[in-house]
Amino acid sequence: MFQPDREAMPLPDLRAWQLSRLQEMVARQHDRVPAYRAKFAAAGVTPGDLRRLDDLARFPVTRKSDLRDHYPLGLCAVPRTELRRMHASSGTTGKPTVVAYDDNDLEIFAEVVARSLYAAGARPGMVFHNAYGYGLFTGGLGTHAGAARLGLATVPVSGGGTERQVTLIEDLGPEVIACTPSYALVLADALAARGHRPEDIPLKYAVLGAEPWSDKTRAEVEARLGVRATNIYGLSEIIGPGVSGEDAAEQRGSYLWEDHFYPEILDPETGEVLPDGEWGVLVLSSMTRTAMPVLRYWTGDITRLLPGGNATGRTVRRMDQIRGRSDDLIILRGVNVYPTQLEAVLLGLGQVSPHYHVTLTRTGVLDELTLHVESLELGGSLRAEIERLVKAQVGVTVRCELCPPGTLARSEGGKLRRVTDLRAAR
């Protein structure tokens, strides 16, 4: 049954709950996972050292490399006979990272996705068009289970096959769709090509995630699909989608389900814990998972923590929109640039499509950024205007290259890679 009551726990009760769950978690890791026992010893801590929430800062951070180093299931805290599902990353940068779930974890997964979908506007009985990829990626099966928990009628279309997806939207009339922001725009193009106006499209709510996106992208999706668009956030190492979800009535950051996932913000350089309101790397502990609990996982996502929402009655904190990833940060001639900043400039201009790509090259000792943009107008005046706006709003000099519509890569339901870095390929 869908029971989101802990979203509104009084803060003292919530903090006591978190401390108790974290203490159980580190004891479980110490007793059952040799890799964590070794990490604790190297850091000079034991489970008994976690007496207050502030003590968590003494414990070591877990990174993606830890999962790869103990591939495939070296961080599991239960026997294989208790596992009920496994997911894995694509492994494009080396060995894949494998995550495992027992019965308890799958229950938590369904619950937090159901909360996120409910916050996004979904209600029991609605038709849910699920365009996240099914398979080893956690998005499709994770959102499917949450939709079932909430009582939605799910269309498990998965990613790709855009023309078929448009037909299903036309014929089945879903009120809710889940996909990446970039794929929502692909579907908007396809629906428009069939002559659909936003007011004629049956969709009412779009639950978007798996990529950083901006408020200007939100406005574009909402205008072209006629929906209320909200963010859903997650990562497989913690559980999958549903770590946090945005409220459709507010659209002011995603509520972290803090009764299951303890958040911290760390300075990306020093690792120091930062106070709420300051920007840094989000670090998460999966407090209530039992098969593969992960302590202080370095997500790489740059955000900040905000107070809960008075209007909704939730006391759990919100995470602001993700500015980018610490490993996706572009340092161009001493200036920090995130792809979402470039996206905001383009969408604010209104004369180009939302599809773009960034190429980084190096000439001698000088780094150069080429911004590839689709536009019907291929003249020099628009190119010069984009270069001027990027310089004025982002603070870097770039070279703009205009491309005919439809020539840049599109998302097919999975994550879209926006940046190609050729600086080391000389």
Protein backbone atom coordinates (compact mmCIF):
# COMPACT_ATOMS: atom_id res chain seq x y z
CA MET A 1 0.00 0.00 0.00
CA PHE A 2 1.18 3.54 -0.79
CA GLN A 3 2.01 5.24 2.55
CA PRO A 4 4.10 8.43 2.31
CA ASP A 5 3.44 9.45 5.95
CA ARG A 6 7.11 9.83 6.87
CA GLU A 7 7.47 12.74 4.42
CA ALA A 8 5.96 15.00 7.11
CA MET A 9 7.63 13.65 10.25
CA PRO A 10 8.51 16.32 12.82
CA LEU A 11 12.17 17.16 12.26
CA PRO A 12 13.43 15.88 15.66
CA ASP A 13 11.71 12.55 14.99
CA LEU A 14 13.13 12.41 11.45
CA ARG A 15 16.68 13.10 12.65
CA ALA A 16 16.37 10.42 15.36
CA TRP A 17 15.08 7.97 12.73
CA GLN A 18 17.99 8.78 10.43
CA LEU A 19 20.61 8.31 13.15
CA SER A 20 19.13 4.96 14.15
CA ARG A 21 18.98 3.73 10.53
CA LEU A 22 22.55 4.92 9.82
CA GLN A 23 23.85 3.16 12.93
CA GLU A 24 22.20 -0.07 11.81
CA MET A 25 23.62 0.41 8.32
CA VAL A 26 27.27 0.89 9.30
CA ALA A 27 27.05 -2.03 11.73
CA ARG A 28 25.67 -4.21 8.93
CA GLN A 29 28.42 -3.13 6.56
CA HIS A 30 31.14 -3.69 9.15
CA ASP A 31 29.85 -7.16 10.02
CA ARG A 32 28.95 -8.43 6.54
CA VAL A 33 31.01 -6.57 3.91
CA PRO A 34 34.79 -7.04 4.15
CA ALA A 35 35.44 -4.12 1.79
CA TYR A 36 33.63 -1.71 4.10
CA ARG A 37 35.30 -3.19 7.17
CA ALA A 38 38.66 -2.44 5.53
CA LYS A 39 37.56 1.11 4.58
CA PHE A 40 36.47 1.79 8.16
CA ALA A 41 39.77 0.51 9.51
CA ALA A 42 41.74 2.68 7.07
CA ALA A 43 39.73 5.71 8.20
CA GLY A 44 40.20 4.82 11.87
CA VAL A 45 36.49 4.48 12.66
CA THR A 46 34.18 1.76 13.95
CA PRO A 47 30.37 1.61 13.98
CA GLY A 48 30.42 2.71 17.62
CA ASP A 49 31.89 6.07 16.57
CA LEU A 50 28.59 7.08 14.95
CA ARG A 51 26.88 8.64 17.98
CA ARG A 52 25.46 11.78 16.32
CA LEU A 53 24.58 12.64 12.73
CA ASP A 54 27.58 14.98 12.64
CA ASP A 55 29.83 11.97 13.26
CA LEU A 56 29.02 10.67 9.78
CA ALA A 57 31.60 13.09 8.37
CA ARG A 58 34.33 10.91 9.94
CA PHE A 59 33.34 7.92 7.82
CA PRO A 60 34.80 7.26 4.35
CA VAL A 61 33.14 8.24 1.09
CA THR A 62 32.12 5.51 -1.37
CA ARG A 63 32.82 6.14 -5.06
CA LYS A 64 31.87 4.38 -8.27
CA SER A 65 35.40 2.97 -8.39
CA ASP A 66 34.63 1.02 -5.19
CA LEU A 67 31.83 -0.82 -6.97
CA ARG A 68 34.10 -1.54 -9.94
CA ASP A 69 36.95 -2.68 -7.70
CA HIS A 70 34.64 -5.19 -6.02
CA TYR A 71 32.84 -6.27 -9.19
CA PRO A 72 30.41 -7.89 -9.43
CA LEU A 73 28.85 -8.29 -5.97
CA GLY A 74 31.64 -7.65 -3.49
CA LEU A 75 29.67 -4.96 -1.65
CA CYS A 76 26.62 -7.14 -1.02
CA ALA A 77 25.57 -7.70 2.58
CA VAL A 78 23.33 -10.73 1.96
CA PRO A 79 23.92 -14.17 0.41
CA ARG A 80 23.19 -14.51 -3.30
CA THR A 81 20.22 -16.73 -2.48
CA GLU A 82 18.45 -13.68 -0.99
CA LEU A 83 18.89 -11.50 -4.11
CA ARG A 84 15.84 -10.89 -6.26
CA ARG A 85 17.11 -8.54 -9.00
CA MET A 86 20.36 -7.17 -10.38
CA HIS A 87 20.95 -4.11 -12.54
CA ALA A 88 24.15 -2.87 -14.15
CA SER A 89 25.57 0.21 -15.81
CA SER A 90 26.65 0.14 -19.44
CA GLY A 91 30.32 -0.11 -18.52
CA THR A 92 31.37 2.41 -21.18
CA THR A 93 34.22 3.69 -19.00
CA GLY A 94 35.47 0.31 -17.81
CA LYS A 95 33.84 -2.52 -15.88
CA PRO A 96 30.11 -2.05 -15.33
CA THR A 97 28.82 -1.34 -11.86
CA VAL A 98 26.39 -3.99 -10.65
CA VAL A 99 23.73 -3.27 -8.04
CA ALA A 100 21.62 -5.90 -6.32
CA TYR A 101 18.24 -5.90 -4.56
CA ASP A 102 16.55 -8.20 -2.09
CA ASP A 103 12.82 -8.24 -1.26
CA ASN A 104 13.18 -5.35 1.18
CA ASP A 105 15.02 -3.20 -1.36
CA LEU A 106 12.42 -3.78 -4.07
CA GLU A 107 9.69 -2.75 -1.63
CA ILE A 108 11.57 0.48 -0.87
CA PHE A 109 12.18 1.08 -4.58
CA ALA A 110 8.48 0.81 -5.42
CA GLU A 111 7.49 3.01 -2.47
CA VAL A 112 9.81 5.92 -3.23
CA VAL A 113 8.94 5.91 -6.95
CA ALA A 114 5.23 5.89 -6.03
CA ARG A 115 5.82 8.92 -3.79
CA SER A 116 7.66 10.69 -6.60
CA LEU A 117 4.93 9.99 -9.15
CA TYR A 118 2.25 11.14 -6.72
CA ALA A 119 4.12 14.38 -6.05
CA ALA A 120 4.39 14.86 -9.82
CA GLY A 121 0.60 14.79 -10.20
CA ALA A 122 -0.10 11.12 -10.97
CA ARG A 123 -3.17 9.61 -9.30
CA PRO A 124 -4.53 6.05 -9.12
CA GLY A 125 -6.36 5.05 -12.27
CA MET A 126 -4.38 7.27 -14.65
CA VAL A 127 -2.65 5.81 -17.70
CA PHE A 128 1.14 5.99 -17.44
CA HIS A 129 3.32 6.02 -20.60
CA ASN A 130 6.70 4.73 -19.42
CA ALA A 131 9.38 5.65 -21.98
CA TYR A 132 12.36 4.87 -19.76
CA GLY A 133 14.46 1.96 -21.00
CA TYR A 134 13.69 -1.46 -19.56
CA GLY A 135 16.47 -3.96 -18.90
CA LEU A 136 19.72 -3.45 -17.01
CA PHE A 137 19.02 0.30 -16.72
CA THR A 138 17.03 0.88 -13.50
CA GLY A 139 14.72 3.49 -15.03
CA GLY A 140 12.13 1.34 -16.79
CA LEU A 141 11.55 -1.43 -14.25
CA GLY A 142 11.94 0.98 -11.33
CA THR A 143 9.28 3.42 -12.48
CA HIS A 144 7.07 0.51 -13.57
CA ALA A 145 7.01 -0.93 -10.05
CA GLY A 146 6.32 2.47 -8.51
CA ALA A 147 3.45 3.07 -10.92
CA ALA A 148 1.95 -0.29 -9.98
CA ARG A 149 2.28 0.58 -6.29
CA LEU A 150 0.43 3.85 -6.90
CA GLY A 151 -2.30 2.17 -8.98
CA LEU A 152 -1.53 3.47 -12.46
CA ALA A 153 -2.23 1.62 -15.72
CA THR A 154 1.26 1.37 -17.23
CA VAL A 155 2.12 1.29 -20.92
CA PRO A 156 5.64 -0.27 -20.80
CA VAL A 157 6.81 1.12 -24.13
CA SER A 158 10.49 1.55 -23.07
CA GLY A 159 12.88 3.76 -25.06
CA GLY A 160 13.14 4.32 -28.81
CA GLY A 161 10.61 3.65 -31.57
CA THR A 162 9.37 7.23 -31.56
CA GLU A 163 6.69 6.76 -34.21
CA ARG A 164 5.22 3.84 -32.28
CA GLN A 165 5.32 5.89 -29.09
CA VAL A 166 3.37 8.70 -30.75
CA THR A 167 0.76 6.21 -31.98
CA LEU A 168 0.35 4.80 -28.46
CA ILE A 169 -0.06 8.29 -27.03
CA GLU A 170 -2.72 9.00 -29.65
CA ASP A 171 -4.58 5.73 -29.14
CA LEU A 172 -4.28 5.06 -25.38
CA GLY A 173 -4.52 8.66 -24.12
CA PRO A 174 -2.01 8.56 -21.24
CA GLU A 175 -2.17 11.38 -18.72
CA VAL A 176 1.37 10.80 -17.39
CA ILE A 177 4.65 10.22 -19.22
CA ALA A 178 8.12 9.41 -17.86
CA CYS A 179 11.25 9.87 -19.99
CA THR A 180 14.38 11.98 -20.26
CA PRO A 181 13.95 15.73 -20.89
CA SER A 182 15.70 15.47 -24.25
CA TYR A 183 13.42 12.62 -25.34
CA ALA A 184 10.35 14.62 -24.31
CA LEU A 185 11.43 17.20 -26.90
CA VAL A 186 11.93 14.45 -29.49
CA LEU A 187 8.36 13.30 -28.86
CA ALA A 188 7.16 16.90 -29.07
CA ASP A 189 8.75 17.17 -32.53
CA ALA A 190 7.12 13.93 -33.64
CA LEU A 191 3.69 14.88 -32.31
CA ALA A 192 3.91 18.28 -34.01
CA ALA A 193 4.89 16.58 -37.27
CA ARG A 194 1.62 14.63 -37.10
CA GLY A 195 -0.29 17.87 -36.71
CA HIS A 196 -0.96 17.74 -32.97
CA ARG A 197 -1.29 21.00 -31.08
CA PRO A 198 -0.25 21.04 -27.40
CA GLU A 199 -3.84 21.47 -26.25
CA ASP A 200 -4.87 18.33 -28.17
CA ILE A 201 -2.26 16.02 -26.62
CA PRO A 202 -3.78 13.88 -23.81
CA LEU A 203 -0.71 14.13 -21.58
CA LYS A 204 -1.06 16.22 -18.42
CA TYR A 205 2.11 15.43 -16.47
CA ALA A 206 5.70 14.72 -17.56
CA VAL A 207 8.07 13.09 -15.05
CA LEU A 208 11.55 13.79 -16.39
CA GLY A 209 14.98 12.67 -15.21
CA ALA A 210 18.29 10.88 -15.92
CA GLU A 211 19.80 14.14 -17.30
CA PRO A 212 20.50 17.59 -15.84
CA TRP A 213 17.98 20.06 -17.26
CA SER A 214 17.06 23.69 -16.79
CA ASP A 215 13.89 25.70 -16.15
CA LYS A 216 14.05 26.85 -19.74
CA THR A 217 13.96 23.25 -20.89
CA ARG A 218 10.98 22.75 -18.56
CA ALA A 219 9.20 25.70 -20.16
CA GLU A 220 9.91 24.30 -23.64
CA VAL A 221 8.55 20.84 -22.74
CA GLU A 222 5.47 22.28 -21.05
CA ALA A 223 4.66 24.61 -23.92
CA ARG A 224 5.09 21.97 -26.62
CA LEU A 225 3.42 19.00 -24.88
CA GLY A 226 0.83 20.90 -22.84
CA VAL A 227 2.00 19.27 -19.58
CA ARG A 228 3.18 20.10 -16.10
CA ALA A 229 6.82 18.90 -16.07
CA THR A 230 8.63 17.81 -12.90
CA ASN A 231 11.98 16.28 -12.07
CA ILE A 232 12.57 12.77 -10.73
CA TYR A 233 16.07 12.02 -9.50
CA GLY A 234 17.94 8.86 -8.70
CA LEU A 235 20.94 6.69 -9.42
CA SER A 236 21.33 2.94 -9.44
CA GLU A 237 24.06 2.88 -6.78
CA ILE A 238 21.56 4.25 -4.25
CA ILE A 239 18.41 2.56 -5.58
CA GLY A 240 17.46 3.99 -9.00
CA PRO A 241 14.89 6.69 -9.84
CA GLY A 242 12.85 7.87 -6.89
CA VAL A 243 15.57 9.13 -4.56
CA SER A 244 13.76 12.45 -4.87
CA GLY A 245 10.83 13.90 -6.76
CA GLU A 246 9.48 17.35 -7.47
CA ASP A 247 5.99 18.51 -6.53
CA ALA A 248 3.93 19.56 -9.56
CA ALA A 249 2.21 22.32 -7.59
CA GLU A 250 5.51 23.92 -6.58
CA GLN A 251 8.24 23.04 -9.10
CA ARG A 252 10.80 24.34 -6.60
CA GLY A 253 13.27 21.50 -6.20
CA SER A 254 12.93 17.75 -5.66
CA TYR A 255 11.92 16.37 -2.26
CA LEU A 256 14.50 13.92 -0.95
CA TRP A 257 12.87 10.93 0.71
CA GLU A 258 15.07 11.36 3.75
CA ASP A 259 13.60 8.47 5.68
CA HIS A 260 15.45 6.20 3.24
CA PHE A 261 18.33 8.29 1.86
CA TYR A 262 20.48 10.53 4.03
CA PRO A 263 21.87 13.51 2.07
CA GLU A 264 25.03 15.55 2.54
CA ILE A 265 26.62 18.28 0.43
CA LEU A 266 30.42 18.12 0.23
CA ASP A 267 32.94 20.60 -1.08
CA PRO A 268 34.12 19.09 -4.39
CA GLU A 269 37.76 19.97 -3.63
CA THR A 270 38.16 19.39 0.12
CA GLY A 271 35.38 16.91 0.88
CA GLU A 272 34.24 19.13 3.77
CA VAL A 273 30.54 18.89 4.68
CA LEU A 274 28.80 22.12 3.67
CA PRO A 275 25.74 23.65 5.36
CA ASP A 276 22.31 23.58 3.74
CA GLY A 277 21.98 26.21 1.04
CA GLU A 278 25.54 25.95 -0.27
CA TRP A 279 26.38 24.36 -3.60
CA GLY A 280 28.53 21.25 -3.72
CA VAL A 281 28.53 17.53 -4.54
CA LEU A 282 25.55 15.53 -3.35
CA VAL A 283 26.54 12.53 -1.22
CA LEU A 284 23.91 9.95 -0.27
CA SER A 285 23.65 7.03 2.15
CA SER A 286 21.03 4.35 1.41
CA MET A 287 20.05 3.91 5.06
CA THR A 288 17.31 1.30 4.76
CA ARG A 289 18.61 -0.96 1.98
CA THR A 290 19.71 -4.38 3.13
CA ALA A 291 21.18 -6.24 0.12
CA MET A 292 23.67 -3.58 -0.93
CA PRO A 293 23.65 -0.59 1.43
CA VAL A 294 25.97 2.17 0.24
CA LEU A 295 27.51 4.65 2.67
CA ARG A 296 28.21 8.29 1.70
CA TYR A 297 28.07 7.70 -2.04
CA TRP A 298 29.73 10.45 -4.08
CA THR A 299 27.10 11.10 -6.77
CA GLY A 300 29.16 13.72 -8.60
CA ASP A 301 26.00 15.85 -9.00
CA ILE A 302 26.33 19.55 -8.14
CA THR A 303 23.32 20.83 -6.19
CA ARG A 304 22.33 22.25 -2.80
CA LEU A 305 19.88 21.32 -0.04
CA LEU A 306 16.85 23.49 0.66
CA PRO A 307 14.24 23.37 3.46
CA GLY A 308 11.03 21.38 3.07
CA GLY A 309 7.93 23.00 1.61
CA ASN A 310 5.45 24.73 3.92
CA ALA A 311 2.66 24.46 1.34
CA THR A 312 2.94 20.67 1.06
CA GLY A 313 3.52 19.95 4.75
CA ARG A 314 6.61 17.90 3.93
CA THR A 315 9.50 18.31 6.34
CA VAL A 316 12.05 16.40 4.24
CA ARG A 317 14.55 18.64 2.48
CA ARG A 318 14.57 19.46 -1.21
CA MET A 319 17.51 19.32 -3.59
CA ASP A 320 17.82 22.18 -6.05
CA GLN A 321 18.14 21.57 -9.77
CA ILE A 322 21.42 19.92 -10.67
CA ARG A 323 23.83 22.43 -12.14
CA GLY A 324 25.88 19.64 -13.68
CA ARG A 325 28.22 16.88 -12.65
CA SER A 326 31.56 17.46 -11.00
CA ASP A 327 33.11 15.24 -13.68
CA ASP A 328 31.17 17.03 -16.47
CA LEU A 329 32.41 20.44 -15.40
CA ILE A 330 34.14 22.17 -18.31
CA ILE A 331 37.07 24.33 -17.25
CA LEU A 332 37.67 26.57 -20.23
CA ARG A 333 40.58 28.99 -19.88
CA GLY A 334 40.05 29.16 -16.12
CA VAL A 335 36.25 29.58 -16.23
CA ASN A 336 33.88 26.89 -14.90
CA VAL A 337 31.15 26.04 -17.41
CA TYR A 338 28.31 23.51 -17.18
CA PRO A 339 26.42 22.39 -20.31
CA THR A 340 23.14 23.48 -18.70
CA GLN A 341 24.40 27.09 -18.75
CA LEU A 342 24.89 26.91 -22.51
CA GLU A 343 21.47 25.29 -22.88
CA ALA A 344 19.85 28.16 -20.98
CA VAL A 345 21.38 30.70 -23.37
CA LEU A 346 20.10 28.83 -26.42
CA LEU A 347 16.57 28.35 -25.10
CA GLY A 348 16.42 32.00 -24.06
CA LEU A 349 17.27 33.04 -27.61
CA GLY A 350 14.21 31.37 -29.13
CA GLN A 351 15.61 31.14 -32.67
CA VAL A 352 17.24 27.72 -32.43
CA SER A 353 16.14 24.21 -31.54
CA PRO A 354 16.87 22.79 -28.05
CA HIS A 355 19.23 20.22 -29.60
CA TYR A 356 22.92 21.09 -29.23
CA HIS A 357 26.33 19.51 -28.77
CA VAL A 358 29.63 20.73 -27.33
CA THR A 359 33.05 19.80 -28.72
CA LEU A 360 36.22 20.64 -26.79
CA THR A 361 39.55 20.85 -28.64
CA ARG A 362 43.02 22.20 -27.93
CA THR A 363 45.25 24.23 -30.24
CA GLY A 364 48.72 24.45 -28.74
CA VAL A 365 48.04 25.39 -25.12
CA LEU A 366 44.69 27.05 -25.84
CA ASP A 367 41.42 25.22 -25.14
CA GLU A 368 38.55 25.89 -27.52
CA LEU A 369 34.82 25.17 -27.24
CA THR A 370 32.66 24.72 -30.32
CA LEU A 371 28.92 24.91 -29.71
CA HIS A 372 26.98 23.02 -32.39
CA VAL A 373 23.40 24.32 -32.66
CA GLU A 374 20.49 23.41 -34.92
CA SER A 375 18.72 26.27 -36.66
CA LEU A 376 16.71 26.99 -39.80
CA GLU A 377 18.76 30.16 -40.13
CA LEU A 378 22.38 29.36 -40.96
CA GLY A 379 23.63 32.90 -41.42
CA GLY A 380 26.53 34.60 -39.71
CA SER A 381 24.40 37.10 -37.78
CA LEU A 382 22.72 34.41 -35.65
CA ARG A 383 26.05 32.67 -35.05
CA ALA A 384 27.59 35.96 -33.89
CA GLU A 385 24.62 36.65 -31.61
CA ILE A 386 24.94 33.25 -29.91
CA GLU A 387 28.66 33.78 -29.38
CA ARG A 388 27.96 37.24 -27.93
CA LEU A 389 25.27 35.96 -25.54
CA VAL A 390 27.42 33.09 -24.29
CA LYS A 391 30.25 35.52 -23.61
CA ALA A 392 27.93 37.93 -21.80
CA GLN A 393 25.97 35.37 -19.74
CA VAL A 394 28.47 32.55 -19.15
CA GLY A 395 31.74 34.47 -19.35
CA VAL A 396 33.61 32.42 -21.95
CA THR A 397 34.45 32.87 -25.61
CA VAL A 398 33.10 30.07 -27.79
CA ARG A 399 32.80 29.32 -31.47
CA CYS A 400 29.28 28.60 -32.68
CA GLU A 401 28.56 26.26 -35.57
CA LEU A 402 25.01 26.26 -36.96
CA CYS A 403 23.65 22.96 -38.27
CA PRO A 404 20.50 22.14 -40.26
CA PRO A 405 17.55 20.81 -38.21
CA GLY A 406 17.65 17.08 -37.53
CA THR A 407 21.42 16.66 -37.92
CA LEU A 408 22.49 16.46 -34.26
CA ALA A 409 22.08 13.35 -32.11
CA ARG A 410 18.73 12.77 -30.44
CA SER A 411 17.89 10.87 -27.27
CA GLU A 412 16.14 7.54 -27.80
CA GLY A 413 14.98 7.28 -24.21
CA GLY A 414 18.38 6.92 -22.54
CA LYS A 415 20.85 9.51 -21.39
CA LEU A 416 22.11 11.87 -24.09
CA ARG A 417 25.81 12.75 -24.10
CA ARG A 418 26.15 16.48 -24.71
CA VAL A 419 29.94 16.91 -24.60
CA THR A 420 32.75 15.42 -26.70
CA ASP A 421 36.19 16.21 -25.24
CA LEU A 422 38.94 15.84 -27.84
CA ARG A 423 41.58 17.78 -25.93
CA ALA A 424 43.60 14.68 -25.05
CA ALA A 425 43.32 13.17 -28.54
CA ARG A 426 46.25 14.90 -30.21
